[in-house]
Amino acid sequence: MLNYEEELRKFTPSLEVEGIEEAVYQEELPEQRQEGRKQAADRKK
C-alpha cells in the first residue's frame, strides 16, 4: 500500500512546471504593461 504522507514528503515539483510558471509570468507582464499604456493614452484623449 501507498504511504501518502511519505510520498508527499518525497514530492518535488517538476522542473517543467516551474519553467512554465516563469514563461507565463514573463509573457503576461509585457501584455499587462501594454494594456496599461493603452488605457492611459485613451484617458488623455
PDB file of N, CA and C in Angstrom:
ATOM      1  N   MET A   1       0.826  -1.192   0.000  1.00  0.00           N
ATOM      2  CA  MET A   1       0.000   0.000   0.000  1.00  0.00           C
ATOM      3  C   MET A   1       0.863   1.245   0.000  1.00  0.00           C
ATOM      4  N   LEU A   2       0.286   2.303  -0.528  1.00  0.00           N
ATOM      5  CA  LEU A   2       0.996   3.572  -0.547  1.00  0.00           C
ATOM      6  C   LEU A   2       0.909   4.261   0.801  1.00  0.00           C
ATOM      7  N   ASN A   3       2.016   4.809   1.212  1.00  0.00           N
ATOM      8  CA  ASN A   3       2.038   5.637   2.408  1.00  0.00           C
ATOM      9  C   ASN A   3       2.023   7.084   1.902  1.00  0.00           C
ATOM     10  N   TYR A   4       0.846   7.711   1.900  1.00  0.00           N
ATOM     11  CA  TYR A   4       0.691   9.030   1.304  1.00  0.00           C
ATOM     12  C   TYR A   4       1.530  10.093   1.997  1.00  0.00           C
ATOM     13  N   GLU A   5       1.660  10.026   3.278  1.00  0.00           N
ATOM     14  CA  GLU A   5       2.467  11.018   3.991  1.00  0.00           C
ATOM     15  C   GLU A   5       3.921  10.935   3.556  1.00  0.00           C
ATOM     16  N   GLU A   6       4.428   9.718   3.428  1.00  0.00           N
ATOM     17  CA  GLU A   6       5.817   9.541   2.981  1.00  0.00           C
ATOM     18  C   GLU A   6       5.990  10.026   1.551  1.00  0.00           C
ATOM     19  N   GLU A   7       5.046   9.706   0.695  1.00  0.00           N
ATOM     20  CA  GLU A   7       5.123  10.147  -0.697  1.00  0.00           C
ATOM     21  C   GLU A   7       5.080  11.665  -0.799  1.00  0.00           C
ATOM     22  N   LEU A   8       4.254  12.309  -0.010  1.00  0.00           N
ATOM     23  CA  LEU A   8       4.194  13.769  -0.022  1.00  0.00           C
ATOM     24  C   LEU A   8       5.504  14.391   0.447  1.00  0.00           C
ATOM     25  N   ARG A   9       6.164  13.772   1.419  1.00  0.00           N
ATOM     26  CA  ARG A   9       7.463  14.290   1.892  1.00  0.00           C
ATOM     27  C   ARG A   9       8.508  14.192   0.789  1.00  0.00           C
ATOM     28  N   LYS A  10       8.425  13.157  -0.044  1.00  0.00           N
ATOM     29  CA  LYS A  10       9.416  12.954  -1.099  1.00  0.00           C
ATOM     30  C   LYS A  10       9.115  13.775  -2.352  1.00  0.00           C
ATOM     31  N   PHE A  11       7.916  14.333  -2.447  1.00  0.00           N
ATOM     32  CA  PHE A  11       7.491  15.037  -3.646  1.00  0.00           C
ATOM     33  C   PHE A  11       8.320  16.285  -3.900  1.00  0.00           C
ATOM     34  N   THR A  12       8.738  16.470  -5.129  1.00  0.00           N
ATOM     35  CA  THR A  12       9.363  17.712  -5.569  1.00  0.00           C
ATOM     36  C   THR A  12       8.695  18.101  -6.888  1.00  0.00           C
ATOM     37  N   PRO A  13       8.372  19.369  -7.085  1.00  0.00           N
ATOM     38  CA  PRO A  13       7.712  19.787  -8.321  1.00  0.00           C
ATOM     39  C   PRO A  13       8.595  19.528  -9.537  1.00  0.00           C
ATOM     40  N   SER A  14       7.962  19.252 -10.617  1.00  0.00           N
ATOM     41  CA  SER A  14       8.678  19.040 -11.870  1.00  0.00           C
ATOM     42  C   SER A  14       9.343  20.339 -12.302  1.00  0.00           C
ATOM     43  N   LEU A  15      10.530  20.225 -12.847  1.00  0.00           N
ATOM     44  CA  LEU A  15      11.202  21.413 -13.363  1.00  0.00           C
ATOM     45  C   LEU A  15      10.402  22.021 -14.504  1.00  0.00           C
ATOM     46  N   GLU A  16       9.702  21.178 -15.250  1.00  0.00           N
ATOM     47  CA  GLU A  16       8.900  21.683 -16.354  1.00  0.00           C
ATOM     48  C   GLU A  16       7.821  22.629 -15.843  1.00  0.00           C
ATOM     49  N   VAL A  17       7.199  22.277 -14.739  1.00  0.00           N
ATOM     50  CA  VAL A  17       6.148  23.123 -14.183  1.00  0.00           C
ATOM     51  C   VAL A  17       6.731  24.467 -13.770  1.00  0.00           C
ATOM     52  N   GLU A  18       7.861  24.459 -13.123  1.00  0.00           N
ATOM     53  CA  GLU A  18       8.488  25.707 -12.713  1.00  0.00           C
ATOM     54  C   GLU A  18       8.861  26.548 -13.926  1.00  0.00           C
ATOM     55  N   GLY A  19       9.345  25.902 -14.975  1.00  0.00           N
ATOM     56  CA  GLY A  19       9.696  26.618 -16.202  1.00  0.00           C
ATOM     57  C   GLY A  19       8.476  27.226 -16.870  1.00  0.00           C
ATOM     58  N   ILE A  20       7.381  26.506 -16.844  1.00  0.00           N
ATOM     59  CA  ILE A  20       6.144  27.013 -17.434  1.00  0.00           C
ATOM     60  C   ILE A  20       5.645  28.217 -16.657  1.00  0.00           C
ATOM     61  N   GLU A  21       5.692  28.147 -15.325  1.00  0.00           N
ATOM     62  CA  GLU A  21       5.273  29.286 -14.495  1.00  0.00           C
ATOM     63  C   GLU A  21       6.045  30.540 -14.878  1.00  0.00           C
ATOM     64  N   GLU A  22       7.341  30.409 -14.995  1.00  0.00           N
ATOM     65  CA  GLU A  22       8.188  31.560 -15.327  1.00  0.00           C
ATOM     66  C   GLU A  22       7.863  32.090 -16.715  1.00  0.00           C
ATOM     67  N   ALA A  23       7.675  31.195 -17.672  1.00  0.00           N
ATOM     68  CA  ALA A  23       7.372  31.612 -19.039  1.00  0.00           C
ATOM     69  C   ALA A  23       6.043  32.351 -19.098  1.00  0.00           C
ATOM     70  N   VAL A  24       5.050  31.862 -18.394  1.00  0.00           N
ATOM     71  CA  VAL A  24       3.736  32.513 -18.380  1.00  0.00           C
ATOM     72  C   VAL A  24       3.858  33.889 -17.753  1.00  0.00           C
ATOM     73  N   TYR A  25       4.557  33.990 -16.651  1.00  0.00           N
ATOM     74  CA  TYR A  25       4.717  35.280 -15.972  1.00  0.00           C
ATOM     75  C   TYR A  25       5.398  36.287 -16.893  1.00  0.00           C
ATOM     76  N   GLN A  26       6.465  35.854 -17.563  1.00  0.00           N
ATOM     77  CA  GLN A  26       7.201  36.754 -18.442  1.00  0.00           C
ATOM     78  C   GLN A  26       6.349  37.188 -19.625  1.00  0.00           C
ATOM     79  N   GLU A  27       5.464  36.337 -20.080  1.00  0.00           N
ATOM     80  CA  GLU A  27       4.602  36.678 -21.204  1.00  0.00           C
ATOM     81  C   GLU A  27       3.481  37.619 -20.776  1.00  0.00           C
ATOM     82  N   GLU A  28       2.911  37.396 -19.613  1.00  0.00           N
ATOM     83  CA  GLU A  28       1.788  38.206 -19.153  1.00  0.00           C
ATOM     84  C   GLU A  28       2.207  39.623 -18.777  1.00  0.00           C
ATOM     85  N   LEU A  29       3.368  39.779 -18.190  1.00  0.00           N
ATOM     86  CA  LEU A  29       3.783  41.093 -17.712  1.00  0.00           C
ATOM     87  C   LEU A  29       3.872  42.119 -18.841  1.00  0.00           C
ATOM     88  N   PRO A  30       4.540  41.834 -19.954  1.00  0.00           N
ATOM     89  CA  PRO A  30       4.569  42.830 -21.040  1.00  0.00           C
ATOM     90  C   PRO A  30       3.172  43.126 -21.590  1.00  0.00           C
ATOM     91  N   GLU A  31       2.308  42.103 -21.652  1.00  0.00           N
ATOM     92  CA  GLU A  31       0.953  42.335 -22.143  1.00  0.00           C
ATOM     93  C   GLU A  31       0.205  43.281 -21.205  1.00  0.00           C
ATOM     94  N   GLN A  32       0.386  43.115 -19.907  1.00  0.00           N
ATOM     95  CA  GLN A  32      -0.274  43.981 -18.937  1.00  0.00           C
ATOM     96  C   GLN A  32       0.252  45.413 -19.044  1.00  0.00           C
ATOM     97  N   ARG A  33       1.554  45.551 -19.247  1.00  0.00           N
ATOM     98  CA  ARG A  33       2.138  46.890 -19.405  1.00  0.00           C
ATOM     99  C   ARG A  33       1.560  47.571 -20.636  1.00  0.00           C
ATOM    100  N   GLN A  34       1.491  46.819 -21.723  1.00  0.00           N
ATOM    101  CA  GLN A  34       0.979  47.381 -22.966  1.00  0.00           C
ATOM    102  C   GLN A  34      -0.479  47.813 -22.795  1.00  0.00           C
ATOM    103  N   GLU A  35      -1.286  47.004 -22.141  1.00  0.00           N
ATOM    104  CA  GLU A  35      -2.683  47.348 -21.905  1.00  0.00           C
ATOM    105  C   GLU A  35      -2.789  48.590 -21.029  1.00  0.00           C
ATOM    106  N   GLY A  36      -1.950  48.683 -20.012  1.00  0.00           N
ATOM    107  CA  GLY A  36      -1.951  49.860 -19.140  1.00  0.00           C
ATOM    108  C   GLY A  36      -1.584  51.123 -19.896  1.00  0.00           C
ATOM    109  N   ARG A  37      -0.602  51.041 -20.772  1.00  0.00           N
ATOM    110  CA  ARG A  37      -0.215  52.206 -21.581  1.00  0.00           C
ATOM    111  C   ARG A  37      -1.339  52.617 -22.516  1.00  0.00           C
ATOM    112  N   LYS A  38      -2.010  51.637 -23.094  1.00  0.00           N
ATOM    113  CA  LYS A  38      -3.121  51.930 -23.995  1.00  0.00           C
ATOM    114  C   LYS A  38      -4.240  52.644 -23.237  1.00  0.00           C
ATOM    115  N   GLN A  39      -4.560  52.151 -22.049  1.00  0.00           N
ATOM    116  CA  GLN A  39      -5.617  52.773 -21.249  1.00  0.00           C
ATOM    117  C   GLN A  39      -5.233  54.197 -20.847  1.00  0.00           C
ATOM    118  N   ALA A  40      -3.974  54.397 -20.504  1.00  0.00           N
ATOM    119  CA  ALA A  40      -3.517  55.731 -20.126  1.00  0.00           C
ATOM    120  C   ALA A  40      -3.601  56.683 -21.322  1.00  0.00           C
ATOM    121  N   ALA A  41      -3.232  56.210 -22.486  1.00  0.00           N
ATOM    122  CA  ALA A  41      -3.308  57.036 -23.692  1.00  0.00           C
ATOM    123  C   ALA A  41      -4.759  57.374 -24.027  1.00  0.00           C
ATOM    124  N   ASP A  42      -5.648  56.406 -23.844  1.00  0.00           N
ATOM    125  CA  ASP A  42      -7.072  56.654 -24.110  1.00  0.00           C
ATOM    126  C   ASP A  42      -7.635  57.700 -23.157  1.00  0.00           C
ATOM    127  N   ARG A  43      -7.180  57.722 -21.929  1.00  0.00           N
ATOM    128  CA  ARG A  43      -7.669  58.710 -20.953  1.00  0.00           C
ATOM    129  C   ARG A  43      -7.225  60.132 -21.316  1.00  0.00           C
ATOM    130  N   LYS A  44      -6.057  60.231 -21.939  1.00  0.00           N
ATOM    131  CA  LYS A  44      -5.529  61.553 -22.308  1.00  0.00           C
ATOM    132  C   LYS A  44      -6.293  62.162 -23.482  1.00  0.00           C
ATOM    133  N   LYS A  45      -6.965  61.351 -24.255  1.00  0.00           N
ATOM    134  CA  LYS A  45      -7.677  61.844 -25.449  1.00  0.00           C
ATOM    135  C   LYS A  45      -8.902  62.619 -25.073  1.00  0.00           C
TER     136      LYS A  45
END
